Each structure stands twice: as structure tokens, then as C-alpha cells.
């Protein structure tokens, strides 16, 4: 069983319908550690040693956050800048994260059709996340296609529940090593056609 660390970075998680529901779906799963950055570090004073130990203790990292100005919320950016140290996470001696996997779980207020070539935001979500992908690739990690929830502002309760359930299925499949990782790394988005990537549990067909 793969151990999963879900880092939630939302400045007002209690007011976020979709991220709060997704976090709850993750927390229900055995083998998943939920880590709320804004709760842990309200003063932005990140404990680098603690965070590095958490990363070392888990096989897969999930960065769950809203998409802020085509990037991550400020505390998550600080976390990346401080925790992924030269000589630890990258560089000739920085091998601590080599072979681990990372997944971005993103929510946006904009609709799905805004995140495509020729759309309002001009690029796909996978393209817009290229700096994040390259950051973790530099650390020797495998970057999976992002799990994206678009149009969060106008979403109905049943839609929120459906996305949260899909997120839980994705994490469960990753935990149990039932997700086709090679295909998941190539796709533009993990949530689009997710069930096609998940193998049934052993003994089932």
C-alpha cells in the first residue's frame, strides 16, 4: 500500500465548498495523511525539517489547492521555496525525493472551456502547471496529470459530491497501486476518463 500525503493549501478552507469536501474525501481513506498548510502555519513560519520528514515518510504527494493567478497560493509557494532545498531535494546530492510521485489537485472558478488552446486562458491546465511540473521533475519525481475541478463557483451540491467521490477513487487507486501510472503521466487531466485508468481489485474482473 502506497502512503499518500495530501497537502491542502487554501487560505479559507472553511469557506470553500469544493476543497473542503475533497479534503474530507481524502481524510476518510486509510493510508492518507491530510496536512492543512494554513492551519499548520498561520504565520507562514514553515518548519522545514518537519515537512521534509513528512515527504520522506510518504510515497506520493498531492498538492490540493485553488488556482491563484495561474499558480499556487502564497503559503504553498513558500513551502516549495523552503522545503525543496538544494542538496536535499535537488542538485548532485539532493536525492531525497527521487522515485516518488506527485499529483496536483486543482480547483478553478473558471469553466472548463476557459482552459484550452484558444479559450479565455489560452492554455490547457497541464500547460499552465508546467512550472510546478518541472519543479518536481527536477527533484526526480514522477508528475501525474492534474486532477481538475472547474467552475467551482457555480457548482451545485450534487456536482461537488460527484467530484469529491472521483477524487477519493483516484487516491484510493493510487494508494492500492491500481492506477495505470504511465497513462496517468501522459494525459492532459487525470479526472477526464479516470475510471479507464483504474484496474479492478485483485480477484475481480
N, C-alpha and C. Protein backbone atom coordinates (compact mmCIF):
# COMPACT_ATOMS: atom_id res chain seq x y z
N UNK A 1 0.84 -1.19 0.00
CA UNK A 1 0.00 0.00 0.00
C UNK A 1 0.88 1.25 0.00
N UNK A 2 0.63 2.14 -0.94
CA UNK A 2 1.37 3.39 -1.03
C UNK A 2 0.86 4.38 0.03
N UNK A 3 1.77 5.07 0.68
CA UNK A 3 1.38 6.09 1.65
C UNK A 3 1.30 7.44 0.95
N UNK A 4 0.18 8.13 1.16
CA UNK A 4 -0.11 9.37 0.43
C UNK A 4 -0.17 10.55 1.40
N UNK A 5 0.54 11.61 1.05
CA UNK A 5 0.49 12.87 1.79
C UNK A 5 -0.29 13.88 0.96
N UNK A 6 -1.43 14.33 1.47
CA UNK A 6 -2.23 15.35 0.80
C UNK A 6 -2.00 16.68 1.51
N UNK A 7 -1.33 17.59 0.82
CA UNK A 7 -1.11 18.93 1.36
C UNK A 7 -2.22 19.84 0.82
N UNK A 8 -3.06 20.32 1.72
CA UNK A 8 -4.14 21.22 1.35
C UNK A 8 -3.67 22.64 1.60
N UNK A 9 -3.74 23.47 0.58
CA UNK A 9 -3.30 24.87 0.72
C UNK A 9 -4.42 25.79 0.24
N UNK A 10 -5.31 26.11 1.16
CA UNK A 10 -6.42 27.03 0.87
C UNK A 10 -6.50 28.04 2.00
N UNK A 11 -6.37 29.34 1.70
CA UNK A 11 -6.34 30.35 2.76
C UNK A 11 -7.63 30.43 3.59
N UNK A 12 -8.75 29.92 3.04
CA UNK A 12 -10.03 29.96 3.76
C UNK A 12 -10.77 28.66 3.49
N UNK A 13 -10.20 27.57 3.94
CA UNK A 13 -10.76 26.25 3.64
C UNK A 13 -12.19 26.12 4.16
N UNK A 14 -12.48 26.74 5.29
CA UNK A 14 -13.82 26.62 5.87
C UNK A 14 -14.90 27.24 4.98
N UNK A 15 -14.49 28.12 4.06
CA UNK A 15 -15.46 28.76 3.17
C UNK A 15 -15.45 28.16 1.76
N UNK A 16 -14.61 27.17 1.54
CA UNK A 16 -14.51 26.56 0.21
C UNK A 16 -15.36 25.29 0.17
N UNK A 17 -16.41 25.31 -0.61
CA UNK A 17 -17.28 24.13 -0.67
C UNK A 17 -16.58 22.94 -1.29
N UNK A 18 -15.88 23.16 -2.41
CA UNK A 18 -15.28 22.03 -3.12
C UNK A 18 -14.01 21.52 -2.44
N UNK A 19 -13.11 22.41 -2.03
CA UNK A 19 -11.87 21.95 -1.40
C UNK A 19 -12.12 21.31 -0.04
N UNK A 20 -13.08 21.84 0.70
CA UNK A 20 -13.42 21.24 1.99
C UNK A 20 -13.97 19.83 1.79
N UNK A 21 -14.82 19.65 0.78
CA UNK A 21 -15.41 18.33 0.51
C UNK A 21 -14.35 17.36 -0.02
N UNK A 22 -13.46 17.84 -0.87
CA UNK A 22 -12.38 16.99 -1.37
C UNK A 22 -11.45 16.56 -0.24
N UNK A 23 -11.12 17.49 0.64
CA UNK A 23 -10.25 17.16 1.78
C UNK A 23 -10.90 16.10 2.66
N UNK A 24 -12.21 16.20 2.86
CA UNK A 24 -12.92 15.22 3.68
C UNK A 24 -12.87 13.84 3.02
N UNK A 25 -13.01 13.79 1.70
CA UNK A 25 -12.94 12.51 0.97
C UNK A 25 -11.57 11.88 1.12
N UNK A 26 -10.52 12.70 1.08
CA UNK A 26 -9.16 12.19 1.24
C UNK A 26 -8.92 11.69 2.66
N UNK A 27 -9.42 12.44 3.63
CA UNK A 27 -9.17 12.11 5.04
C UNK A 27 -9.83 10.81 5.45
N UNK A 28 -10.88 10.42 4.74
CA UNK A 28 -11.59 9.18 5.07
C UNK A 28 -10.79 7.93 4.72
N UNK A 29 -9.77 8.07 3.89
CA UNK A 29 -9.05 6.91 3.36
C UNK A 29 -7.90 6.49 4.27
N UNK A 30 -7.82 5.21 4.53
CA UNK A 30 -6.68 4.66 5.26
C UNK A 30 -5.42 4.85 4.43
N UNK A 31 -4.34 5.18 5.08
CA UNK A 31 -3.07 5.35 4.38
C UNK A 31 -2.86 6.73 3.81
N UNK A 32 -3.82 7.64 4.05
CA UNK A 32 -3.71 9.02 3.56
C UNK A 32 -3.54 9.96 4.74
N UNK A 33 -2.51 10.79 4.68
CA UNK A 33 -2.27 11.83 5.69
C UNK A 33 -2.70 13.17 5.12
N UNK A 34 -3.64 13.84 5.77
CA UNK A 34 -4.09 15.16 5.33
C UNK A 34 -3.36 16.23 6.13
N UNK A 35 -2.75 17.17 5.43
CA UNK A 35 -1.92 18.21 6.06
C UNK A 35 -2.37 19.58 5.56
N UNK A 36 -3.05 20.33 6.39
CA UNK A 36 -3.58 21.65 6.05
C UNK A 36 -2.50 22.70 6.34
N UNK A 37 -1.89 23.24 5.30
CA UNK A 37 -0.77 24.17 5.49
C UNK A 37 -1.18 25.43 6.23
N UNK A 38 -2.34 25.99 5.87
CA UNK A 38 -2.74 27.26 6.50
C UNK A 38 -3.13 27.07 7.96
N UNK A 39 -3.56 25.88 8.33
CA UNK A 39 -3.82 25.58 9.73
C UNK A 39 -2.51 25.37 10.48
N UNK A 40 -1.56 24.70 9.84
CA UNK A 40 -0.29 24.39 10.49
C UNK A 40 0.60 25.62 10.64
N UNK A 41 0.54 26.54 9.65
CA UNK A 41 1.46 27.69 9.64
C UNK A 41 0.70 29.00 9.38
N UNK A 42 -0.14 29.42 10.31
CA UNK A 42 -0.88 30.67 10.10
C UNK A 42 0.02 31.90 10.00
N UNK A 43 1.24 31.79 10.54
CA UNK A 43 2.19 32.90 10.48
C UNK A 43 3.22 32.71 9.35
N UNK A 44 3.02 31.69 8.50
CA UNK A 44 3.91 31.40 7.37
C UNK A 44 5.31 30.95 7.80
N UNK A 45 5.46 30.57 9.05
CA UNK A 45 6.76 30.13 9.56
C UNK A 45 6.88 28.62 9.37
N UNK A 46 7.21 28.19 8.16
CA UNK A 46 7.23 26.78 7.79
C UNK A 46 8.37 26.04 8.49
N UNK A 47 8.04 24.92 9.13
CA UNK A 47 9.03 24.07 9.78
C UNK A 47 9.63 23.14 8.71
N UNK A 48 10.75 23.52 8.17
CA UNK A 48 11.34 22.81 7.04
C UNK A 48 11.65 21.36 7.40
N UNK A 49 12.25 21.14 8.56
CA UNK A 49 12.61 19.78 8.97
C UNK A 49 11.39 18.88 9.07
N UNK A 50 10.32 19.40 9.68
CA UNK A 50 9.08 18.62 9.81
C UNK A 50 8.51 18.26 8.44
N UNK A 51 8.51 19.23 7.53
CA UNK A 51 7.94 19.00 6.21
C UNK A 51 8.77 18.00 5.41
N UNK A 52 10.08 18.08 5.55
CA UNK A 52 10.93 17.13 4.84
C UNK A 52 10.72 15.71 5.38
N UNK A 53 10.54 15.58 6.68
CA UNK A 53 10.27 14.26 7.25
C UNK A 53 8.94 13.70 6.75
N UNK A 54 7.94 14.55 6.63
CA UNK A 54 6.65 14.11 6.09
C UNK A 54 6.81 13.61 4.65
N UNK A 55 7.56 14.33 3.85
CA UNK A 55 7.78 13.91 2.47
C UNK A 55 8.52 12.58 2.41
N UNK A 56 9.53 12.41 3.24
CA UNK A 56 10.30 11.17 3.24
C UNK A 56 9.45 9.98 3.67
N UNK A 57 8.45 10.23 4.52
CA UNK A 57 7.63 9.14 5.08
C UNK A 57 6.51 8.69 4.15
N UNK A 58 6.31 9.39 3.03
CA UNK A 58 5.22 9.07 2.12
C UNK A 58 5.74 8.79 0.72
N UNK A 59 4.94 8.03 -0.02
CA UNK A 59 5.34 7.63 -1.38
C UNK A 59 4.82 8.59 -2.44
N UNK A 60 3.67 9.18 -2.17
CA UNK A 60 3.02 10.05 -3.15
C UNK A 60 2.57 11.35 -2.49
N UNK A 61 2.86 12.46 -3.14
CA UNK A 61 2.49 13.78 -2.66
C UNK A 61 1.36 14.33 -3.51
N UNK A 62 0.32 14.83 -2.86
CA UNK A 62 -0.78 15.51 -3.55
C UNK A 62 -0.81 16.96 -3.09
N UNK A 63 -0.77 17.88 -4.05
CA UNK A 63 -0.90 19.30 -3.74
C UNK A 63 -2.31 19.73 -4.12
N UNK A 64 -3.16 19.91 -3.12
CA UNK A 64 -4.56 20.27 -3.35
C UNK A 64 -4.74 21.76 -3.04
N UNK A 65 -5.17 22.52 -4.06
CA UNK A 65 -5.30 23.96 -3.84
C UNK A 65 -6.12 24.61 -4.95
N UNK A 66 -6.66 25.80 -4.68
CA UNK A 66 -7.27 26.59 -5.75
C UNK A 66 -6.18 27.18 -6.64
N UNK A 67 -6.52 27.47 -7.86
CA UNK A 67 -5.57 28.01 -8.84
C UNK A 67 -5.56 29.53 -8.68
N UNK A 68 -4.47 30.08 -8.13
CA UNK A 68 -4.35 31.51 -7.85
C UNK A 68 -3.47 32.16 -8.92
N UNK A 69 -4.03 33.00 -9.75
CA UNK A 69 -3.25 33.72 -10.75
C UNK A 69 -2.29 32.79 -11.49
N UNK A 70 -2.82 31.69 -11.99
CA UNK A 70 -2.05 30.72 -12.78
C UNK A 70 -0.91 30.10 -11.97
N UNK A 71 -1.10 30.02 -10.69
CA UNK A 71 -0.06 29.48 -9.83
C UNK A 71 -0.69 28.91 -8.56
N UNK A 72 0.10 28.82 -7.51
CA UNK A 72 -0.34 28.25 -6.24
C UNK A 72 -0.56 29.37 -5.22
N UNK A 73 -1.34 29.12 -4.16
CA UNK A 73 -1.49 30.12 -3.09
C UNK A 73 -0.14 30.44 -2.45
N UNK A 74 -0.01 31.62 -1.84
CA UNK A 74 1.30 32.09 -1.37
C UNK A 74 2.00 31.19 -0.37
N UNK A 75 1.25 30.58 0.55
CA UNK A 75 1.91 29.73 1.54
C UNK A 75 2.47 28.47 0.89
N UNK A 76 1.79 27.94 -0.11
CA UNK A 76 2.32 26.77 -0.82
C UNK A 76 3.57 27.15 -1.61
N UNK A 77 3.59 28.33 -2.19
CA UNK A 77 4.81 28.78 -2.88
C UNK A 77 5.96 28.88 -1.89
N UNK A 78 5.69 29.41 -0.70
CA UNK A 78 6.75 29.50 0.30
C UNK A 78 7.22 28.10 0.71
N UNK A 79 6.27 27.19 0.86
CA UNK A 79 6.60 25.80 1.20
C UNK A 79 7.54 25.21 0.16
N UNK A 80 7.21 25.40 -1.12
CA UNK A 80 8.06 24.89 -2.20
C UNK A 80 9.46 25.52 -2.12
N UNK A 81 9.51 26.83 -1.93
CA UNK A 81 10.79 27.53 -1.91
C UNK A 81 11.68 27.08 -0.76
N UNK A 82 11.08 26.81 0.40
CA UNK A 82 11.86 26.49 1.59
C UNK A 82 12.15 25.01 1.74
N UNK A 83 11.15 24.18 1.48
CA UNK A 83 11.27 22.75 1.78
C UNK A 83 12.11 22.01 0.74
N UNK A 84 11.96 22.38 -0.52
CA UNK A 84 12.69 21.69 -1.58
C UNK A 84 14.11 22.28 -1.71
N UNK A 85 14.89 22.04 -0.71
CA UNK A 85 16.22 22.64 -0.60
C UNK A 85 17.22 21.98 -1.56
N UNK A 86 18.14 22.82 -2.04
CA UNK A 86 19.27 22.30 -2.81
C UNK A 86 20.11 21.42 -1.90
N UNK A 87 20.53 20.28 -2.41
CA UNK A 87 21.30 19.35 -1.61
C UNK A 87 20.42 18.35 -0.87
N UNK A 88 19.11 18.62 -0.83
CA UNK A 88 18.16 17.68 -0.23
C UNK A 88 17.18 17.17 -1.29
N UNK A 89 16.53 18.10 -1.98
CA UNK A 89 15.53 17.72 -2.98
C UNK A 89 16.08 17.72 -4.40
N UNK A 90 17.13 18.48 -4.65
CA UNK A 90 17.71 18.53 -6.00
C UNK A 90 19.18 18.88 -5.89
N UNK A 91 19.86 18.83 -7.02
CA UNK A 91 21.31 19.03 -7.02
C UNK A 91 22.01 17.68 -6.99
N UNK A 92 23.32 17.69 -7.10
CA UNK A 92 24.07 16.44 -7.20
C UNK A 92 23.90 15.56 -5.97
N UNK A 93 23.66 16.16 -4.81
CA UNK A 93 23.49 15.38 -3.58
C UNK A 93 22.02 15.33 -3.13
N UNK A 94 21.14 15.97 -3.85
CA UNK A 94 19.74 16.05 -3.44
C UNK A 94 18.90 14.94 -4.03
N UNK A 95 18.81 13.81 -3.33
CA UNK A 95 18.14 12.63 -3.86
C UNK A 95 16.96 12.17 -2.99
N UNK A 96 16.53 12.99 -2.04
CA UNK A 96 15.54 12.54 -1.05
C UNK A 96 14.20 12.17 -1.66
N UNK A 97 13.84 12.76 -2.79
CA UNK A 97 12.51 12.56 -3.36
C UNK A 97 12.50 11.74 -4.64
N UNK A 98 13.67 11.27 -5.05
CA UNK A 98 13.77 10.54 -6.31
C UNK A 98 12.88 9.29 -6.29
N UNK A 99 12.08 9.14 -7.35
CA UNK A 99 11.22 7.97 -7.48
C UNK A 99 9.85 8.11 -6.87
N UNK A 100 9.63 9.17 -6.10
CA UNK A 100 8.30 9.42 -5.55
C UNK A 100 7.42 10.06 -6.62
N UNK A 101 6.12 10.13 -6.33
CA UNK A 101 5.18 10.67 -7.31
C UNK A 101 4.47 11.88 -6.73
N UNK A 102 3.97 12.73 -7.63
CA UNK A 102 3.27 13.94 -7.19
C UNK A 102 2.08 14.20 -8.11
N UNK A 103 1.00 14.67 -7.49
CA UNK A 103 -0.24 14.96 -8.20
C UNK A 103 -0.75 16.33 -7.77
N UNK A 104 -1.11 17.18 -8.74
CA UNK A 104 -1.79 18.44 -8.44
C UNK A 104 -3.29 18.23 -8.51
N UNK A 105 -4.00 18.63 -7.46
CA UNK A 105 -5.47 18.57 -7.44
C UNK A 105 -5.96 20.02 -7.36
N UNK A 106 -6.51 20.49 -8.45
CA UNK A 106 -6.75 21.92 -8.66
C UNK A 106 -8.24 22.24 -8.74
N UNK A 107 -8.64 23.34 -8.12
CA UNK A 107 -9.99 23.86 -8.32
C UNK A 107 -9.87 25.25 -8.96
N UNK A 108 -10.81 25.56 -9.87
CA UNK A 108 -10.83 26.87 -10.51
C UNK A 108 -12.25 27.42 -10.49
N UNK A 109 -12.36 28.74 -10.46
CA UNK A 109 -13.66 29.36 -10.60
C UNK A 109 -14.12 29.35 -12.05
N UNK A 110 -13.17 29.41 -12.98
CA UNK A 110 -13.48 29.43 -14.40
C UNK A 110 -13.96 28.08 -14.91
N UNK A 111 -14.76 28.12 -15.95
CA UNK A 111 -15.29 26.89 -16.54
C UNK A 111 -14.20 26.13 -17.29
N UNK A 112 -14.48 24.87 -17.57
CA UNK A 112 -13.52 24.00 -18.25
C UNK A 112 -13.12 24.56 -19.61
N UNK A 113 -14.08 25.12 -20.37
CA UNK A 113 -13.76 25.58 -21.72
C UNK A 113 -12.86 26.81 -21.74
N UNK A 114 -12.63 27.43 -20.57
CA UNK A 114 -11.70 28.56 -20.49
C UNK A 114 -10.25 28.09 -20.47
N UNK A 115 -10.05 26.81 -20.16
CA UNK A 115 -8.69 26.27 -20.03
C UNK A 115 -8.39 25.34 -21.21
N UNK A 116 -8.26 25.95 -22.37
CA UNK A 116 -7.91 25.22 -23.58
C UNK A 116 -7.24 26.18 -24.55
N UNK A 117 -6.57 25.62 -25.55
CA UNK A 117 -5.97 26.46 -26.59
C UNK A 117 -7.09 27.25 -27.28
N UNK A 118 -6.95 28.57 -27.33
CA UNK A 118 -7.96 29.41 -27.93
C UNK A 118 -9.05 29.83 -26.96
N UNK A 119 -9.03 29.32 -25.75
CA UNK A 119 -10.00 29.71 -24.74
C UNK A 119 -9.58 30.98 -24.03
N UNK A 120 -10.35 31.37 -23.03
CA UNK A 120 -10.10 32.62 -22.31
C UNK A 120 -8.69 32.67 -21.70
N UNK A 121 -8.22 31.53 -21.18
CA UNK A 121 -6.90 31.48 -20.55
C UNK A 121 -5.79 30.99 -21.48
N UNK A 122 -6.14 30.71 -22.75
CA UNK A 122 -5.18 30.49 -23.84
C UNK A 122 -4.43 29.16 -23.78
N UNK A 123 -4.35 28.53 -22.64
CA UNK A 123 -3.59 27.30 -22.49
C UNK A 123 -4.40 26.27 -21.71
N UNK A 124 -4.00 25.02 -21.83
CA UNK A 124 -4.61 23.97 -21.03
C UNK A 124 -4.09 24.04 -19.60
N UNK A 125 -4.78 23.38 -18.70
CA UNK A 125 -4.31 23.36 -17.31
C UNK A 125 -2.95 22.68 -17.20
N UNK A 126 -2.73 21.62 -17.95
CA UNK A 126 -1.44 20.93 -17.91
C UNK A 126 -0.32 21.88 -18.35
N UNK A 127 -0.60 22.70 -19.35
CA UNK A 127 0.41 23.66 -19.82
C UNK A 127 0.64 24.76 -18.79
N UNK A 128 -0.41 25.24 -18.15
CA UNK A 128 -0.27 26.30 -17.16
C UNK A 128 0.46 25.80 -15.91
N UNK A 129 0.38 24.50 -15.65
CA UNK A 129 1.06 23.93 -14.49
C UNK A 129 2.50 23.50 -14.80
N UNK A 130 3.00 23.84 -15.99
CA UNK A 130 4.35 23.41 -16.38
C UNK A 130 5.44 23.81 -15.37
N UNK A 131 5.42 25.02 -14.78
CA UNK A 131 6.46 25.34 -13.79
C UNK A 131 6.41 24.44 -12.57
N UNK A 132 5.20 24.06 -12.13
CA UNK A 132 5.08 23.15 -10.99
C UNK A 132 5.59 21.77 -11.38
N UNK A 133 5.17 21.32 -12.56
CA UNK A 133 5.63 20.01 -13.04
C UNK A 133 7.15 19.97 -13.11
N UNK A 134 7.76 20.98 -13.70
CA UNK A 134 9.21 20.99 -13.85
C UNK A 134 9.92 21.05 -12.50
N UNK A 135 9.34 21.76 -11.53
CA UNK A 135 9.92 21.82 -10.19
C UNK A 135 10.09 20.43 -9.62
N UNK A 136 9.06 19.61 -9.72
CA UNK A 136 9.12 18.28 -9.12
C UNK A 136 9.88 17.28 -10.00
N UNK A 137 9.83 17.48 -11.30
CA UNK A 137 10.66 16.64 -12.18
C UNK A 137 12.14 16.87 -11.87
N UNK A 138 12.51 18.13 -11.60
CA UNK A 138 13.89 18.45 -11.23
C UNK A 138 14.30 17.70 -9.96
N UNK A 139 13.30 17.41 -9.11
CA UNK A 139 13.57 16.68 -7.86
C UNK A 139 13.55 15.16 -8.07
N UNK A 140 13.39 14.73 -9.33
CA UNK A 140 13.41 13.30 -9.62
C UNK A 140 12.09 12.60 -9.38
N UNK A 141 11.00 13.36 -9.30
CA UNK A 141 9.69 12.78 -9.04
C UNK A 141 8.90 12.60 -10.34
N UNK A 142 7.96 11.68 -10.32
CA UNK A 142 7.06 11.46 -11.46
C UNK A 142 5.82 12.33 -11.26
N UNK A 143 5.55 13.20 -12.24
CA UNK A 143 4.41 14.12 -12.14
C UNK A 143 3.24 13.54 -12.92
N UNK A 144 2.15 13.27 -12.22
CA UNK A 144 0.95 12.74 -12.85
C UNK A 144 0.10 13.86 -13.42
N UNK A 145 -0.77 13.52 -14.34
CA UNK A 145 -1.69 14.52 -14.89
C UNK A 145 -2.54 15.11 -13.76
N UNK A 146 -2.86 16.40 -13.82
CA UNK A 146 -3.60 17.03 -12.71
C UNK A 146 -5.05 16.57 -12.64
N UNK A 147 -5.55 16.53 -11.42
CA UNK A 147 -6.98 16.31 -11.18
C UNK A 147 -7.61 17.70 -11.08
N UNK A 148 -8.50 18.02 -12.01
CA UNK A 148 -9.02 19.40 -12.12
C UNK A 148 -10.52 19.45 -11.88
N UNK A 149 -10.92 20.42 -11.08
CA UNK A 149 -12.34 20.71 -10.86
C UNK A 149 -12.58 22.14 -11.30
N UNK A 150 -13.26 22.30 -12.43
CA UNK A 150 -13.51 23.63 -12.99
C UNK A 150 -14.92 24.13 -12.63
N UNK A 151 -15.08 25.44 -12.69
CA UNK A 151 -16.40 26.03 -12.47
C UNK A 151 -16.91 25.89 -11.05
N UNK A 152 -16.00 25.94 -10.08
CA UNK A 152 -16.38 25.68 -8.68
C UNK A 152 -17.38 26.70 -8.13
N UNK A 153 -17.33 27.94 -8.60
CA UNK A 153 -18.18 28.99 -8.03
C UNK A 153 -19.67 28.71 -8.20
N UNK A 154 -20.03 28.17 -9.36
CA UNK A 154 -21.45 27.95 -9.61
C UNK A 154 -21.89 26.50 -9.47
N UNK A 155 -21.11 25.70 -8.78
CA UNK A 155 -21.36 24.26 -8.73
C UNK A 155 -22.48 23.91 -7.74
N UNK A 156 -23.34 22.99 -8.16
CA UNK A 156 -24.40 22.50 -7.28
C UNK A 156 -23.87 21.41 -6.36
N UNK A 157 -24.61 21.14 -5.28
CA UNK A 157 -24.18 20.18 -4.27
C UNK A 157 -23.90 18.80 -4.88
N UNK A 158 -24.79 18.34 -5.77
CA UNK A 158 -24.58 17.01 -6.35
C UNK A 158 -23.33 16.96 -7.23
N UNK A 159 -22.99 18.08 -7.87
CA UNK A 159 -21.77 18.13 -8.66
C UNK A 159 -20.54 18.09 -7.76
N UNK A 160 -20.59 18.82 -6.66
CA UNK A 160 -19.50 18.80 -5.69
C UNK A 160 -19.28 17.39 -5.17
N UNK A 161 -20.36 16.73 -4.81
CA UNK A 161 -20.25 15.36 -4.29
C UNK A 161 -19.66 14.42 -5.34
N UNK A 162 -20.02 14.62 -6.60
CA UNK A 162 -19.51 13.75 -7.67
C UNK A 162 -18.00 13.95 -7.85
N UNK A 163 -17.54 15.19 -7.84
CA UNK A 163 -16.11 15.45 -7.98
C UNK A 163 -15.33 14.92 -6.77
N UNK A 164 -15.87 15.11 -5.58
CA UNK A 164 -15.20 14.62 -4.37
C UNK A 164 -15.10 13.10 -4.39
N UNK A 165 -16.15 12.44 -4.84
CA UNK A 165 -16.13 10.97 -4.92
C UNK A 165 -15.09 10.50 -5.93
N UNK A 166 -14.97 11.18 -7.07
CA UNK A 166 -13.97 10.82 -8.07
C UNK A 166 -12.56 11.03 -7.52
N UNK A 167 -12.37 12.10 -6.78
CA UNK A 167 -11.08 12.38 -6.14
C UNK A 167 -10.72 11.25 -5.17
N UNK A 168 -11.70 10.83 -4.37
CA UNK A 168 -11.46 9.73 -3.46
C UNK A 168 -11.10 8.44 -4.18
N UNK A 169 -11.77 8.16 -5.32
CA UNK A 169 -11.46 6.97 -6.10
C UNK A 169 -10.05 7.03 -6.65
N UNK A 170 -9.65 8.21 -7.11
CA UNK A 170 -8.29 8.37 -7.65
C UNK A 170 -7.25 8.11 -6.57
N UNK A 171 -7.44 8.68 -5.39
CA UNK A 171 -6.48 8.48 -4.31
C UNK A 171 -6.45 7.02 -3.85
N UNK A 172 -7.62 6.42 -3.78
CA UNK A 172 -7.69 5.01 -3.37
C UNK A 172 -6.95 4.11 -4.36
N UNK A 173 -7.14 4.38 -5.67
CA UNK A 173 -6.47 3.59 -6.69
C UNK A 173 -4.96 3.80 -6.64
N UNK A 174 -4.53 5.02 -6.40
CA UNK A 174 -3.10 5.30 -6.26
C UNK A 174 -2.53 4.60 -5.04
N UNK A 175 -3.27 4.67 -3.95
CA UNK A 175 -2.82 4.00 -2.71
C UNK A 175 -2.64 2.50 -2.91
N UNK A 176 -3.60 1.90 -3.63
CA UNK A 176 -3.61 0.45 -3.81
C UNK A 176 -2.85 0.00 -5.05
N UNK A 177 -2.19 0.94 -5.72
CA UNK A 177 -1.40 0.66 -6.93
C UNK A 177 -2.24 0.01 -8.01
N UNK A 178 -3.44 0.54 -8.20
CA UNK A 178 -4.35 0.03 -9.22
C UNK A 178 -4.58 1.05 -10.34
N UNK A 179 -3.79 2.10 -10.36
CA UNK A 179 -3.95 3.12 -11.39
C UNK A 179 -2.80 3.01 -12.39
N UNK A 180 -3.13 3.08 -13.66
CA UNK A 180 -2.13 2.98 -14.73
C UNK A 180 -1.29 4.26 -14.73
N UNK A 181 -0.13 4.19 -14.11
CA UNK A 181 0.69 5.38 -13.91
C UNK A 181 1.27 5.94 -15.20
N UNK A 182 1.68 5.06 -16.09
CA UNK A 182 2.24 5.54 -17.36
C UNK A 182 1.21 6.35 -18.14
N UNK A 183 -0.03 5.84 -18.19
CA UNK A 183 -1.09 6.58 -18.87
C UNK A 183 -1.42 7.85 -18.12
N UNK A 184 -1.40 7.80 -16.79
CA UNK A 184 -1.73 8.96 -15.97
C UNK A 184 -0.70 10.08 -16.13
N UNK A 185 0.53 9.74 -16.44
CA UNK A 185 1.55 10.76 -16.64
C UNK A 185 1.41 11.43 -18.00
N UNK A 186 0.84 10.72 -18.97
CA UNK A 186 0.73 11.26 -20.33
C UNK A 186 -0.52 12.12 -20.55
N UNK A 187 -1.56 11.89 -19.80
CA UNK A 187 -2.84 12.54 -20.07
C UNK A 187 -2.82 14.04 -19.73
N UNK A 188 -3.69 14.81 -20.38
CA UNK A 188 -3.81 16.23 -20.01
C UNK A 188 -4.40 16.41 -18.62
N UNK A 189 -5.38 15.52 -18.27
CA UNK A 189 -6.04 15.61 -16.96
C UNK A 189 -6.34 14.20 -16.46
N UNK A 190 -6.19 14.03 -15.15
CA UNK A 190 -6.44 12.72 -14.55
C UNK A 190 -7.94 12.45 -14.42
N UNK A 191 -8.72 13.46 -14.14
CA UNK A 191 -10.15 13.27 -13.87
C UNK A 191 -10.95 12.95 -15.13
N UNK A 192 -10.43 13.26 -16.30
CA UNK A 192 -11.13 13.01 -17.55
C UNK A 192 -10.87 11.57 -17.99
N UNK A 193 -11.87 10.71 -17.85
CA UNK A 193 -11.69 9.29 -18.16
C UNK A 193 -10.97 8.53 -17.06
N UNK A 194 -11.13 8.97 -15.82
CA UNK A 194 -10.43 8.37 -14.68
C UNK A 194 -10.67 6.87 -14.57
N UNK A 195 -11.93 6.46 -14.70
CA UNK A 195 -12.25 5.05 -14.47
C UNK A 195 -11.56 4.13 -15.48
N UNK A 196 -11.20 4.65 -16.64
CA UNK A 196 -10.48 3.85 -17.63
C UNK A 196 -9.07 3.50 -17.15
N UNK A 197 -8.54 4.30 -16.23
CA UNK A 197 -7.16 4.10 -15.76
C UNK A 197 -7.09 3.18 -14.56
N UNK A 198 -8.22 2.87 -13.94
CA UNK A 198 -8.23 2.12 -12.69
C UNK A 198 -8.48 0.64 -12.95
N UNK A 199 -7.55 -0.18 -12.49
CA UNK A 199 -7.73 -1.62 -12.60
C UNK A 199 -8.60 -2.12 -11.44
N UNK A 200 -9.39 -3.17 -11.65
CA UNK A 200 -10.22 -3.69 -10.56
C UNK A 200 -9.33 -4.32 -9.49
N UNK A 201 -9.83 -4.43 -8.26
CA UNK A 201 -9.05 -5.08 -7.21
C UNK A 201 -8.70 -6.52 -7.57
N UNK A 202 -7.65 -7.05 -6.98
CA UNK A 202 -7.22 -8.42 -7.24
C UNK A 202 -8.37 -9.38 -6.98
N UNK A 203 -8.56 -10.32 -7.89
CA UNK A 203 -9.64 -11.28 -7.74
C UNK A 203 -10.93 -10.87 -8.39
N UNK A 204 -11.00 -9.61 -8.87
CA UNK A 204 -12.20 -9.14 -9.55
C UNK A 204 -11.85 -8.89 -11.02
N UNK A 205 -12.86 -8.95 -11.85
CA UNK A 205 -12.64 -8.70 -13.27
C UNK A 205 -13.75 -7.84 -13.80
